Amino acid sequence: MIRKWHAGLFVLGAAVFAYLVARIGLGQLASDAGRTGLMFVPIVLLYALVYACSALAWQLTMATDRSRPSFWRTYAVTIAAGALNFLTPVINAGGEPYRVAAMAPILGSSVRRAP
């Protein structure tokens, strides 16, 4: 059932992406990319580093009795949650619930409470 949800949400996200590309236009996107030039590379690398540090810090806090998710799984969830946070206006209401839902199968449902 979860795989069907993942597939459905992927299709929905791809459809929204296709809609946005069609609405903006490939010509406009290519023009904007051309004006950005080689500055695109350091921008992407800097964001990759920021997300990697965030994922590593988040992974270190998820030490449980059961298991800890892999770095790459944590990195992927961090990037996806960041994208969802950019989509929701004003507050980070999309990415944070996604993080919890994505890591729940790995971490389990038992929650340790602070003393």
PDB file of N, CA and C in Angstrom:
ATOM      1  N   MET A   1       0.813  -1.195   0.000  1.00  0.00           N
ATOM      2  CA  MET A   1       0.000   0.000   0.000  1.00  0.00           C
ATOM      3  C   MET A   1       0.862   1.266   0.000  1.00  0.00           C
ATOM      4  N   ILE A   2       1.960   1.245   0.764  1.00  0.00           N
ATOM      5  CA  ILE A   2       2.825   2.419   0.828  1.00  0.00           C
ATOM      6  C   ILE A   2       3.475   2.675  -0.530  1.00  0.00           C
ATOM      7  N   ARG A   3       3.833   1.611  -1.235  1.00  0.00           N
ATOM      8  CA  ARG A   3       4.429   1.777  -2.572  1.00  0.00           C
ATOM      9  C   ARG A   3       3.447   2.448  -3.528  1.00  0.00           C
ATOM     10  N   LYS A   4       2.170   2.133  -3.403  1.00  0.00           N
ATOM     11  CA  LYS A   4       1.161   2.778  -4.255  1.00  0.00           C
ATOM     12  C   LYS A   4       1.074   4.264  -3.947  1.00  0.00           C
ATOM     13  N   TRP A   5       1.157   4.613  -2.664  1.00  0.00           N
ATOM     14  CA  TRP A   5       1.149   6.022  -2.285  1.00  0.00           C
ATOM     15  C   TRP A   5       2.386   6.728  -2.833  1.00  0.00           C
ATOM     16  N   HIS A   6       3.530   6.101  -2.710  1.00  0.00           N
ATOM     17  CA  HIS A   6       4.769   6.696  -3.232  1.00  0.00           C
ATOM     18  C   HIS A   6       4.662   6.914  -4.735  1.00  0.00           C
ATOM     19  N   ALA A   7       4.184   5.913  -5.439  1.00  0.00           N
ATOM     20  CA  ALA A   7       4.044   6.020  -6.893  1.00  0.00           C
ATOM     21  C   ALA A   7       3.039   7.108  -7.255  1.00  0.00           C
ATOM     22  N   GLY A   8       1.925   7.147  -6.552  1.00  0.00           N
ATOM     23  CA  GLY A   8       0.909   8.163  -6.819  1.00  0.00           C
ATOM     24  C   GLY A   8       1.411   9.571  -6.559  1.00  0.00           C
ATOM     25  N   LEU A   9       2.128   9.754  -5.457  1.00  0.00           N
ATOM     26  CA  LEU A   9       2.677  11.069  -5.148  1.00  0.00           C
ATOM     27  C   LEU A   9       3.783  11.457  -6.118  1.00  0.00           C
ATOM     28  N   PHE A  10       4.557  10.467  -6.570  1.00  0.00           N
ATOM     29  CA  PHE A  10       5.577  10.760  -7.579  1.00  0.00           C
ATOM     30  C   PHE A  10       4.931  11.234  -8.875  1.00  0.00           C
ATOM     31  N   VAL A  11       3.871  10.551  -9.288  1.00  0.00           N
ATOM     32  CA  VAL A  11       3.163  10.945 -10.512  1.00  0.00           C
ATOM     33  C   VAL A  11       2.559  12.343 -10.349  1.00  0.00           C
ATOM     34  N   LEU A  12       1.984  12.610  -9.182  1.00  0.00           N
ATOM     35  CA  LEU A  12       1.417  13.933  -8.928  1.00  0.00           C
ATOM     36  C   LEU A  12       2.498  15.008  -8.980  1.00  0.00           C
ATOM     37  N   GLY A  13       3.639  14.752  -8.351  1.00  0.00           N
ATOM     38  CA  GLY A  13       4.741  15.703  -8.385  1.00  0.00           C
ATOM     39  C   GLY A  13       5.283  15.914  -9.794  1.00  0.00           C
ATOM     40  N   ALA A  14       5.382  14.840 -10.566  1.00  0.00           N
ATOM     41  CA  ALA A  14       5.847  14.955 -11.949  1.00  0.00           C
ATOM     42  C   ALA A  14       4.861  15.754 -12.786  1.00  0.00           C
ATOM     43  N   ALA A  15       3.569  15.578 -12.526  1.00  0.00           N
ATOM     44  CA  ALA A  15       2.550  16.325 -13.258  1.00  0.00           C
ATOM     45  C   ALA A  15       2.617  17.813 -12.919  1.00  0.00           C
ATOM     46  N   VAL A  16       2.804  18.134 -11.659  1.00  0.00           N
ATOM     47  CA  VAL A  16       2.922  19.544 -11.267  1.00  0.00           C
ATOM     48  C   VAL A  16       4.180  20.151 -11.883  1.00  0.00           C
ATOM     49  N   PHE A  17       5.280  19.399 -11.865  1.00  0.00           N
ATOM     50  CA  PHE A  17       6.518  19.883 -12.479  1.00  0.00           C
ATOM     51  C   PHE A  17       6.325  20.128 -13.975  1.00  0.00           C
ATOM     52  N   ALA A  18       5.689  19.183 -14.653  1.00  0.00           N
ATOM     53  CA  ALA A  18       5.436  19.343 -16.094  1.00  0.00           C
ATOM     54  C   ALA A  18       4.542  20.549 -16.359  1.00  0.00           C
ATOM     55  N   TYR A  19       3.537  20.747 -15.511  1.00  0.00           N
ATOM     56  CA  TYR A  19       2.651  21.897 -15.657  1.00  0.00           C
ATOM     57  C   TYR A  19       3.436  23.203 -15.509  1.00  0.00           C
ATOM     58  N   LEU A  20       4.294  23.275 -14.505  1.00  0.00           N
ATOM     59  CA  LEU A  20       5.070  24.495 -14.292  1.00  0.00           C
ATOM     60  C   LEU A  20       6.031  24.763 -15.445  1.00  0.00           C
ATOM     61  N   VAL A  21       6.677  23.711 -15.938  1.00  0.00           N
ATOM     62  CA  VAL A  21       7.587  23.885 -17.079  1.00  0.00           C
ATOM     63  C   VAL A  21       6.804  24.349 -18.301  1.00  0.00           C
ATOM     64  N   ALA A  22       5.631  23.761 -18.526  1.00  0.00           N
ATOM     65  CA  ALA A  22       4.816  24.169 -19.677  1.00  0.00           C
ATOM     66  C   ALA A  22       4.326  25.601 -19.519  1.00  0.00           C
ATOM     67  N   ARG A  23       3.973  25.979 -18.316  1.00  0.00           N
ATOM     68  CA  ARG A  23       3.452  27.341 -18.076  1.00  0.00           C
ATOM     69  C   ARG A  23       4.548  28.393 -18.236  1.00  0.00           C
ATOM     70  N   ILE A  24       5.743  28.109 -17.732  1.00  0.00           N
ATOM     71  CA  ILE A  24       6.851  29.057 -17.837  1.00  0.00           C
ATOM     72  C   ILE A  24       7.420  29.057 -19.252  1.00  0.00           C
ATOM     73  N   GLY A  25       7.550  27.873 -19.820  1.00  0.00           N
ATOM     74  CA  GLY A  25       8.081  27.747 -21.166  1.00  0.00           C
ATOM     75  C   GLY A  25       9.543  27.340 -21.155  1.00  0.00           C
ATOM     76  N   LEU A  26       9.881  26.405 -22.038  1.00  0.00           N
ATOM     77  CA  LEU A  26      11.261  25.930 -22.123  1.00  0.00           C
ATOM     78  C   LEU A  26      12.209  27.040 -22.555  1.00  0.00           C
ATOM     79  N   GLY A  27      11.731  27.923 -23.434  1.00  0.00           N
ATOM     80  CA  GLY A  27      12.577  29.028 -23.897  1.00  0.00           C
ATOM     81  C   GLY A  27      12.975  29.947 -22.754  1.00  0.00           C
ATOM     82  N   GLN A  28      12.018  30.282 -21.904  1.00  0.00           N
ATOM     83  CA  GLN A  28      12.302  31.156 -20.757  1.00  0.00           C
ATOM     84  C   GLN A  28      13.252  30.475 -19.775  1.00  0.00           C
ATOM     85  N   LEU A  29      13.019  29.200 -19.530  1.00  0.00           N
ATOM     86  CA  LEU A  29      13.907  28.456 -18.627  1.00  0.00           C
ATOM     87  C   LEU A  29      15.332  28.386 -19.184  1.00  0.00           C
ATOM     88  N   ALA A  30      15.457  28.133 -20.481  1.00  0.00           N
ATOM     89  CA  ALA A  30      16.778  28.073 -21.103  1.00  0.00           C
ATOM     90  C   ALA A  30      17.462  29.437 -21.055  1.00  0.00           C
ATOM     91  N   SER A  31      16.698  30.512 -21.273  1.00  0.00           N
ATOM     92  CA  SER A  31      17.251  31.862 -21.207  1.00  0.00           C
ATOM     93  C   SER A  31      17.753  32.186 -19.801  1.00  0.00           C
ATOM     94  N   ASP A  32      16.948  31.847 -18.803  1.00  0.00           N
ATOM     95  CA  ASP A  32      17.349  32.099 -17.418  1.00  0.00           C
ATOM     96  C   ASP A  32      18.576  31.273 -17.041  1.00  0.00           C
ATOM     97  N   ALA A  33      18.625  30.023 -17.491  1.00  0.00           N
ATOM     98  CA  ALA A  33      19.780  29.171 -17.212  1.00  0.00           C
ATOM     99  C   ALA A  33      21.029  29.730 -17.896  1.00  0.00           C
ATOM    100  N   GLY A  34      20.861  30.268 -19.103  1.00  0.00           N
ATOM    101  CA  GLY A  34      21.990  30.861 -19.814  1.00  0.00           C
ATOM    102  C   GLY A  34      22.536  32.089 -19.107  1.00  0.00           C
ATOM    103  N   ARG A  35      21.638  32.904 -18.543  1.00  0.00           N
ATOM    104  CA  ARG A  35      22.077  34.083 -17.808  1.00  0.00           C
ATOM    105  C   ARG A  35      22.775  33.702 -16.499  1.00  0.00           C
ATOM    106  N   THR A  36      22.349  32.610 -15.897  1.00  0.00           N
ATOM    107  CA  THR A  36      22.988  32.153 -14.661  1.00  0.00           C
ATOM    108  C   THR A  36      24.391  31.656 -14.959  1.00  0.00           C
ATOM    109  N   GLY A  37      24.540  30.966 -16.081  1.00  0.00           N
ATOM    110  CA  GLY A  37      25.852  30.513 -16.519  1.00  0.00           C
ATOM    111  C   GLY A  37      26.474  29.511 -15.572  1.00  0.00           C
ATOM    112  N   LEU A  38      27.777  29.644 -15.406  1.00  0.00           N
ATOM    113  CA  LEU A  38      28.511  28.705 -14.566  1.00  0.00           C
ATOM    114  C   LEU A  38      28.302  28.944 -13.071  1.00  0.00           C
ATOM    115  N   MET A  39      27.633  30.013 -12.694  1.00  0.00           N
ATOM    116  CA  MET A  39      27.325  30.238 -11.276  1.00  0.00           C
ATOM    117  C   MET A  39      26.344  29.194 -10.763  1.00  0.00           C
ATOM    118  N   PHE A  40      25.687  28.502 -11.683  1.00  0.00           N
ATOM    119  CA  PHE A  40      24.760  27.439 -11.301  1.00  0.00           C
ATOM    120  C   PHE A  40      25.475  26.328 -10.533  1.00  0.00           C
ATOM    121  N   VAL A  41      26.699  26.012 -10.941  1.00  0.00           N
ATOM    122  CA  VAL A  41      27.450  24.914 -10.324  1.00  0.00           C
ATOM    123  C   VAL A  41      27.776  25.203  -8.854  1.00  0.00           C
ATOM    124  N   PRO A  42      28.373  26.353  -8.507  1.00  0.00           N
ATOM    125  CA  PRO A  42      28.639  26.574  -7.082  1.00  0.00           C
ATOM    126  C   PRO A  42      27.370  26.710  -6.242  1.00  0.00           C
ATOM    127  N   ILE A  43      26.300  27.212  -6.832  1.00  0.00           N
ATOM    128  CA  ILE A  43      25.040  27.316  -6.092  1.00  0.00           C
ATOM    129  C   ILE A  43      24.544  25.920  -5.725  1.00  0.00           C
ATOM    130  N   VAL A  44      24.531  25.011  -6.689  1.00  0.00           N
ATOM    131  CA  VAL A  44      24.069  23.642  -6.428  1.00  0.00           C
ATOM    132  C   VAL A  44      25.001  22.943  -5.445  1.00  0.00           C
ATOM    133  N   LEU A  45      26.313  23.113  -5.606  1.00  0.00           N
ATOM    134  CA  LEU A  45      27.266  22.483  -4.692  1.00  0.00           C
ATOM    135  C   LEU A  45      27.124  23.014  -3.265  1.00  0.00           C
ATOM    136  N   LEU A  46      26.887  24.308  -3.125  1.00  0.00           N
ATOM    137  CA  LEU A  46      26.713  24.882  -1.797  1.00  0.00           C
ATOM    138  C   LEU A  46      25.458  24.333  -1.122  1.00  0.00           C
ATOM    139  N   TYR A  47      24.353  24.273  -1.867  1.00  0.00           N
ATOM    140  CA  TYR A  47      23.127  23.700  -1.306  1.00  0.00           C
ATOM    141  C   TYR A  47      23.300  22.217  -0.992  1.00  0.00           C
ATOM    142  N   ALA A  48      24.036  21.496  -1.821  1.00  0.00           N
ATOM    143  CA  ALA A  48      24.291  20.077  -1.546  1.00  0.00           C
ATOM    144  C   ALA A  48      25.066  19.917  -0.242  1.00  0.00           C
ATOM    145  N   LEU A  49      26.044  20.791  -0.006  1.00  0.00           N
ATOM    146  CA  LEU A  49      26.813  20.746   1.231  1.00  0.00           C
ATOM    147  C   LEU A  49      25.943  21.090   2.443  1.00  0.00           C
ATOM    148  N   VAL A  50      25.108  22.108   2.311  1.00  0.00           N
ATOM    149  CA  VAL A  50      24.227  22.501   3.413  1.00  0.00           C
ATOM    150  C   VAL A  50      23.270  21.365   3.758  1.00  0.00           C
ATOM    151  N   TYR A  51      22.662  20.756   2.745  1.00  0.00           N
ATOM    152  CA  TYR A  51      21.744  19.641   2.989  1.00  0.00           C
ATOM    153  C   TYR A  51      22.487  18.424   3.546  1.00  0.00           C
ATOM    154  N   ALA A  52      23.722  18.203   3.118  1.00  0.00           N
ATOM    155  CA  ALA A  52      24.507  17.079   3.645  1.00  0.00           C
ATOM    156  C   ALA A  52      24.807  17.276   5.132  1.00  0.00           C
ATOM    157  N   CYS A  53      25.179  18.486   5.512  1.00  0.00           N
ATOM    158  CA  CYS A  53      25.431  18.767   6.935  1.00  0.00           C
ATOM    159  C   CYS A  53      24.160  18.615   7.750  1.00  0.00           C
ATOM    160  N   SER A  54      23.060  19.097   7.222  1.00  0.00           N
ATOM    161  CA  SER A  54      21.779  18.963   7.919  1.00  0.00           C
ATOM    162  C   SER A  54      21.387  17.498   8.066  1.00  0.00           C
ATOM    163  N   ALA A  55      21.571  16.721   7.006  1.00  0.00           N
ATOM    164  CA  ALA A  55      21.230  15.295   7.050  1.00  0.00           C
ATOM    165  C   ALA A  55      22.115  14.552   8.042  1.00  0.00           C
ATOM    166  N   LEU A  56      23.394  14.882   8.078  1.00  0.00           N
ATOM    167  CA  LEU A  56      24.297  14.224   9.017  1.00  0.00           C
ATOM    168  C   LEU A  56      23.920  14.553  10.463  1.00  0.00           C
ATOM    169  N   ALA A  57      23.626  15.818  10.730  1.00  0.00           N
ATOM    170  CA  ALA A  57      23.219  16.199  12.086  1.00  0.00           C
ATOM    171  C   ALA A  57      21.918  15.511  12.473  1.00  0.00           C
ATOM    172  N   TRP A  58      20.985  15.454  11.546  1.00  0.00           N
ATOM    173  CA  TRP A  58      19.701  14.810  11.823  1.00  0.00           C
ATOM    174  C   TRP A  58      19.894  13.306  12.044  1.00  0.00           C
ATOM    175  N   GLN A  59      20.766  12.703  11.258  1.00  0.00           N
ATOM    176  CA  GLN A  59      21.021  11.268  11.404  1.00  0.00           C
ATOM    177  C   GLN A  59      21.638  10.954  12.759  1.00  0.00           C
ATOM    178  N   LEU A  60      22.521  11.801  13.230  1.00  0.00           N
ATOM    179  CA  LEU A  60      23.155  11.579  14.529  1.00  0.00           C
ATOM    180  C   LEU A  60      22.154  11.665  15.675  1.00  0.00           C
ATOM    181  N   THR A  61      21.116  12.459  15.512  1.00  0.00           N
ATOM    182  CA  THR A  61      20.108  12.572  16.572  1.00  0.00           C
ATOM    183  C   THR A  61      19.116  11.425  16.556  1.00  0.00           C
ATOM    184  N   MET A  62      19.122  10.608  15.515  1.00  0.00           N
ATOM    185  CA  MET A  62      18.164   9.510  15.401  1.00  0.00           C
ATOM    186  C   MET A  62      18.718   8.183  15.892  1.00  0.00           C
ATOM    187  N   ALA A  63      19.673   8.214  16.763  1.00  0.00           N
ATOM    188  CA  ALA A  63      20.213   6.969  17.310  1.00  0.00           C
ATOM    189  C   ALA A  63      19.146   6.325  18.181  1.00  0.00           C
ATOM    190  N   THR A  64      18.754   5.123  17.834  1.00  0.00           N
ATOM    191  CA  THR A  64      17.739   4.408  18.599  1.00  0.00           C
ATOM    192  C   THR A  64      18.260   3.027  18.973  1.00  0.00           C
ATOM    193  N   ASP A  65      17.450   2.325  19.731  1.00  0.00           N
ATOM    194  CA  ASP A  65      17.811   0.957  20.082  1.00  0.00           C
ATOM    195  C   ASP A  65      17.709   0.035  18.871  1.00  0.00           C
ATOM    196  N   ARG A  66      16.816   0.356  17.942  1.00  0.00           N
ATOM    197  CA  ARG A  66      16.584  -0.520  16.782  1.00  0.00           C
ATOM    198  C   ARG A  66      17.650  -0.317  15.710  1.00  0.00           C
ATOM    199  N   SER A  67      17.615   0.821  15.064  1.00  0.00           N
ATOM    200  CA  SER A  67      18.568   1.069  13.986  1.00  0.00           C
ATOM    201  C   SER A  67      18.610   2.553  13.682  1.00  0.00           C
ATOM    202  N   ARG A  68      19.600   2.910  12.910  1.00  0.00           N
ATOM    203  CA  ARG A  68      19.735   4.280  12.436  1.00  0.00           C
ATOM    204  C   ARG A  68      19.660   4.235  10.915  1.00  0.00           C
ATOM    205  N   PRO A  69      18.894   5.132  10.302  1.00  0.00           N
ATOM    206  CA  PRO A  69      18.808   5.116   8.838  1.00  0.00           C
ATOM    207  C   PRO A  69      20.159   5.465   8.207  1.00  0.00           C
ATOM    208  N   SER A  70      20.358   5.018   6.992  1.00  0.00           N
ATOM    209  CA  SER A  70      21.610   5.318   6.301  1.00  0.00           C
ATOM    210  C   SER A  70      21.700   6.807   6.003  1.00  0.00           C
ATOM    211  N   PHE A  71      22.922   7.268   5.772  1.00  0.00           N
ATOM    212  CA  PHE A  71      23.116   8.681   5.459  1.00  0.00           C
ATOM    213  C   PHE A  71      22.377   9.054   4.186  1.00  0.00           C
ATOM    214  N   TRP A  72      22.459   8.212   3.156  1.00  0.00           N
ATOM    215  CA  TRP A  72      21.841   8.559   1.878  1.00  0.00           C
ATOM    216  C   TRP A  72      20.319   8.598   1.973  1.00  0.00           C
ATOM    217  N   ARG A  73      19.744   7.727   2.766  1.00  0.00           N
ATOM    218  CA  ARG A  73      18.289   7.769   2.990  1.00  0.00           C
ATOM    219  C   ARG A  73      17.916   9.067   3.712  1.00  0.00           C
ATOM    220  N   THR A  74      18.692   9.410   4.738  1.00  0.00           N
ATOM    221  CA  THR A  74      18.452  10.645   5.481  1.00  0.00           C
ATOM    222  C   THR A  74      18.640  11.860   4.582  1.00  0.00           C
ATOM    223  N   TYR A  75      19.648  11.830   3.721  1.00  0.00           N
ATOM    224  CA  TYR A  75      19.923  12.931   2.785  1.00  0.00           C
ATOM    225  C   TYR A  75      18.759  13.115   1.809  1.00  0.00           C
ATOM    226  N   ALA A  76      18.265  12.012   1.274  1.00  0.00           N
ATOM    227  CA  ALA A  76      17.145  12.091   0.334  1.00  0.00           C
ATOM    228  C   ALA A  76      15.892  12.640   1.004  1.00  0.00           C
ATOM    229  N   VAL A  77      15.608  12.180   2.217  1.00  0.00           N
ATOM    230  CA  VAL A  77      14.429  12.671   2.937  1.00  0.00           C
ATOM    231  C   VAL A  77      14.607  14.146   3.284  1.00  0.00           C
ATOM    232  N   THR A  78      15.813  14.562   3.638  1.00  0.00           N
ATOM    233  CA  THR A  78      16.070  15.967   3.959  1.00  0.00           C
ATOM    234  C   THR A  78      15.829  16.858   2.747  1.00  0.00           C
ATOM    235  N   ILE A  79      16.287  16.433   1.589  1.00  0.00           N
ATOM    236  CA  ILE A  79      16.081  17.227   0.371  1.00  0.00           C
ATOM    237  C   ILE A  79      14.603  17.268   0.001  1.00  0.00           C
ATOM    238  N   ALA A  80      13.923  16.128   0.091  1.00  0.00           N
ATOM    239  CA  ALA A  80      12.491  16.098  -0.229  1.00  0.00           C
ATOM    240  C   ALA A  80      11.695  16.960   0.741  1.00  0.00           C
ATOM    241  N   ALA A  81      12.032  16.903   2.028  1.00  0.00           N
ATOM    242  CA  ALA A  81      11.339  17.726   3.012  1.00  0.00           C
ATOM    243  C   ALA A  81      11.614  19.209   2.774  1.00  0.00           C
ATOM    244  N   GLY A  82      12.830  19.533   2.395  1.00  0.00           N
ATOM    245  CA  GLY A  82      13.152  20.923   2.063  1.00  0.00           C
ATOM    246  C   GLY A  82      12.341  21.421   0.882  1.00  0.00           C
ATOM    247  N   ALA A  83      12.179  20.574  -0.121  1.00  0.00           N
ATOM    248  CA  ALA A  83      11.369  20.953  -1.279  1.00  0.00           C
ATOM    249  C   ALA A  83       9.912  21.171  -0.881  1.00  0.00           C
ATOM    250  N   LEU A  84       9.392  20.300  -0.031  1.00  0.00           N
ATOM    251  CA  LEU A  84       8.016  20.483   0.444  1.00  0.00           C
ATOM    252  C   LEU A  84       7.876  21.747   1.281  1.00  0.00           C
ATOM    253  N   ASN A  85       8.874  22.070   2.061  1.00  0.00           N
ATOM    254  CA  ASN A  85       8.823  23.298   2.851  1.00  0.00           C
ATOM    255  C   ASN A  85       8.810  24.535   1.962  1.00  0.00           C
ATOM    256  N   PHE A  86       9.511  24.492   0.835  1.00  0.00           N
ATOM    257  CA  PHE A  86       9.487  25.613  -0.093  1.00  0.00           C
ATOM    258  C   PHE A  86       8.118  25.769  -0.749  1.00  0.00           C
ATOM    259  N   LEU A  87       7.402  24.678  -0.904  1.00  0.00           N
ATOM    260  CA  LEU A  87       6.088  24.724  -1.548  1.00  0.00           C
ATOM    261  C   LEU A  87       4.996  25.262  -0.640  1.00  0.00           C
ATOM    262  N   THR A  88       5.137  25.072   0.666  1.00  0.00           N
ATOM    263  CA  THR A  88       4.102  25.536   1.586  1.00  0.00           C
ATOM    264  C   THR A  88       4.414  26.963   2.002  1.00  0.00           C
ATOM    265  N   PRO A  89       3.468  27.873   1.804  1.00  0.00           N
ATOM    266  CA  PRO A  89       3.736  29.274   2.130  1.00  0.00           C
ATOM    267  C   PRO A  89       3.745  29.520   3.639  1.00  0.00           C
ATOM    268  N   VAL A  90       4.479  30.484   4.063  1.00  0.00           N
ATOM    269  CA  VAL A  90       4.553  31.036   5.409  1.00  0.00           C
ATOM    270  C   VAL A  90       5.214  30.101   6.421  1.00  0.00           C
ATOM    271  N   ILE A  91       4.759  28.858   6.567  1.00  0.00           N
ATOM    272  CA  ILE A  91       5.292  27.969   7.589  1.00  0.00           C
ATOM    273  C   ILE A  91       5.802  26.685   6.952  1.00  0.00           C
ATOM    274  N   ASN A  92       6.610  25.948   7.676  1.00  0.00           N
ATOM    275  CA  ASN A  92       7.135  24.668   7.200  1.00  0.00           C
ATOM    276  C   ASN A  92       6.161  23.551   7.541  1.00  0.00           C
ATOM    277  N   ALA A  93       5.002  23.588   6.926  1.00  0.00           N
ATOM    278  CA  ALA A  93       3.955  22.628   7.275  1.00  0.00           C
ATOM    279  C   ALA A  93       3.981  21.381   6.408  1.00  0.00           C
ATOM    280  N   GLY A  94       4.747  21.367   5.356  1.00  0.00           N
ATOM    281  CA  GLY A  94       4.742  20.205   4.480  1.00  0.00           C
ATOM    282  C   GLY A  94       5.879  19.247   4.719  1.00  0.00           C
ATOM    283  N   GLY A  95       7.071  19.791   4.916  1.00  0.00           N
ATOM    284  CA  GLY A  95       8.253  18.941   5.003  1.00  0.00           C
ATOM    285  C   GLY A  95       8.418  18.205   6.313  1.00  0.00           C
ATOM    286  N   GLU A  96       8.044  18.836   7.395  1.00  0.00           N
ATOM    287  CA  GLU A  96       8.270  18.209   8.699  1.00  0.00           C
ATOM    288  C   GLU A  96       7.395  16.977   8.908  1.00  0.00           C
ATOM    289  N   PRO A  97       6.096  17.026   8.591  1.00  0.00           N
ATOM    290  CA  PRO A  97       5.310  15.791   8.692  1.00  0.00           C
ATOM    291  C   PRO A  97       5.822  14.700   7.745  1.00  0.00           C
ATOM    292  N   TYR A  98       6.334  15.123   6.580  1.00  0.00           N
ATOM    293  CA  TYR A  98       6.898  14.149   5.643  1.00  0.00           C
ATOM    294  C   TYR A  98       8.110  13.447   6.249  1.00  0.00           C
ATOM    295  N   ARG A  99       8.963  14.199   6.934  1.00  0.00           N
ATOM    296  CA  ARG A  99      10.144  13.590   7.576  1.00  0.00           C
ATOM    297  C   ARG A  99       9.722  12.499   8.557  1.00  0.00           C
ATOM    298  N   VAL A 100       8.721  12.816   9.358  1.00  0.00           N
ATOM    299  CA  VAL A 100       8.245  11.847  10.352  1.00  0.00           C
ATOM    300  C   VAL A 100       7.701  10.604   9.656  1.00  0.00           C
ATOM    301  N   ALA A 101       6.878  10.807   8.636  1.00  0.00           N
ATOM    302  CA  ALA A 101       6.281   9.672   7.934  1.00  0.00           C
ATOM    303  C   ALA A 101       7.332   8.843   7.201  1.00  0.00           C
ATOM    304  N   ALA A 102       8.343   9.486   6.659  1.00  0.00           N
ATOM    305  CA  ALA A 102       9.369   8.762   5.903  1.00  0.00           C
ATOM    306  C   ALA A 102      10.292   7.952   6.812  1.00  0.00           C
ATOM    307  N   MET A 103      10.530   8.420   8.015  1.00  0.00           N
ATOM    308  CA  MET A 103      11.444   7.723   8.916  1.00  0.00           C
ATOM    309  C   MET A 103      10.750   6.778   9.889  1.00  0.00           C
ATOM    310  N   ALA A 104       9.444   6.864  10.010  1.00  0.00           N
ATOM    311  CA  ALA A 104       8.715   6.004  10.959  1.00  0.00           C
ATOM    312  C   ALA A 104       8.937   4.513  10.702  1.00  0.00           C
ATOM    313  N   PRO A 105       8.932   4.036   9.445  1.00  0.00           N
ATOM    314  CA  PRO A 105       9.170   2.601   9.249  1.00  0.00           C
ATOM    315  C   PRO A 105      10.563   2.148   9.705  1.00  0.00           C
ATOM    316  N   ILE A 106      11.537   3.032   9.637  1.00  0.00           N
ATOM    317  CA  ILE A 106      12.898   2.676  10.032  1.00  0.00           C
ATOM    318  C   ILE A 106      13.067   2.775  11.541  1.00  0.00           C
ATOM    319  N   LEU A 107      12.563   3.842  12.115  1.00  0.00           N
ATOM    320  CA  LEU A 107      12.770   4.085  13.532  1.00  0.00           C
ATOM    321  C   LEU A 107      11.762   3.396  14.428  1.00  0.00           C
ATOM    322  N   GLY A 108      10.631   3.022  13.882  1.00  0.00           N
ATOM    323  CA  GLY A 108       9.592   2.392  14.702  1.00  0.00           C
ATOM    324  C   GLY A 108       8.654   3.428  15.272  1.00  0.00           C
ATOM    325  N   SER A 109       7.608   2.947  15.874  1.00  0.00           N
ATOM    326  CA  SER A 109       6.594   3.863  16.378  1.00  0.00           C
ATOM    327  C   SER A 109       6.782   4.205  17.846  1.00  0.00           C
ATOM    328  N   SER A 110       7.689   3.525  18.528  1.00  0.00           N
ATOM    329  CA  SER A 110       7.903   3.847  19.939  1.00  0.00           C
ATOM    330  C   SER A 110       8.688   5.145  20.037  1.00  0.00           C
ATOM    331  N   VAL A 111       8.210   6.030  20.869  1.00  0.00           N
ATOM    332  CA  VAL A 111       8.824   7.331  21.019  1.00  0.00           C
ATOM    333  C   VAL A 111       9.421   7.430  22.413  1.00  0.00           C
ATOM    334  N   ARG A 112      10.684   7.828  22.442  1.00  0.00           N
ATOM    335  CA  ARG A 112      11.308   8.076  23.735  1.00  0.00           C
ATOM    336  C   ARG A 112      10.977   9.500  24.161  1.00  0.00           C
ATOM    337  N   ARG A 113      10.553   9.658  25.371  1.00  0.00           N
ATOM    338  CA  ARG A 113      10.184  10.971  25.870  1.00  0.00           C
ATOM    339  C   ARG A 113      11.323  11.517  26.741  1.00  0.00           C
ATOM    340  N   ALA A 114      11.430  12.828  26.730  1.00  0.00           N
ATOM    341  CA  ALA A 114      12.443  13.468  27.562  1.00  0.00           C
ATOM    342  C   ALA A 114      12.035  13.354  29.022  1.00  0.00           C
ATOM    343  N   PRO A 115      12.998  13.198  29.926  1.00  0.00           N
ATOM    344  CA  PRO A 115      12.650  13.081  31.354  1.00  0.00           C
ATOM    345  C   PRO A 115      12.165  14.388  31.913  1.00  0.00           C
TER     346      PRO A 115
END
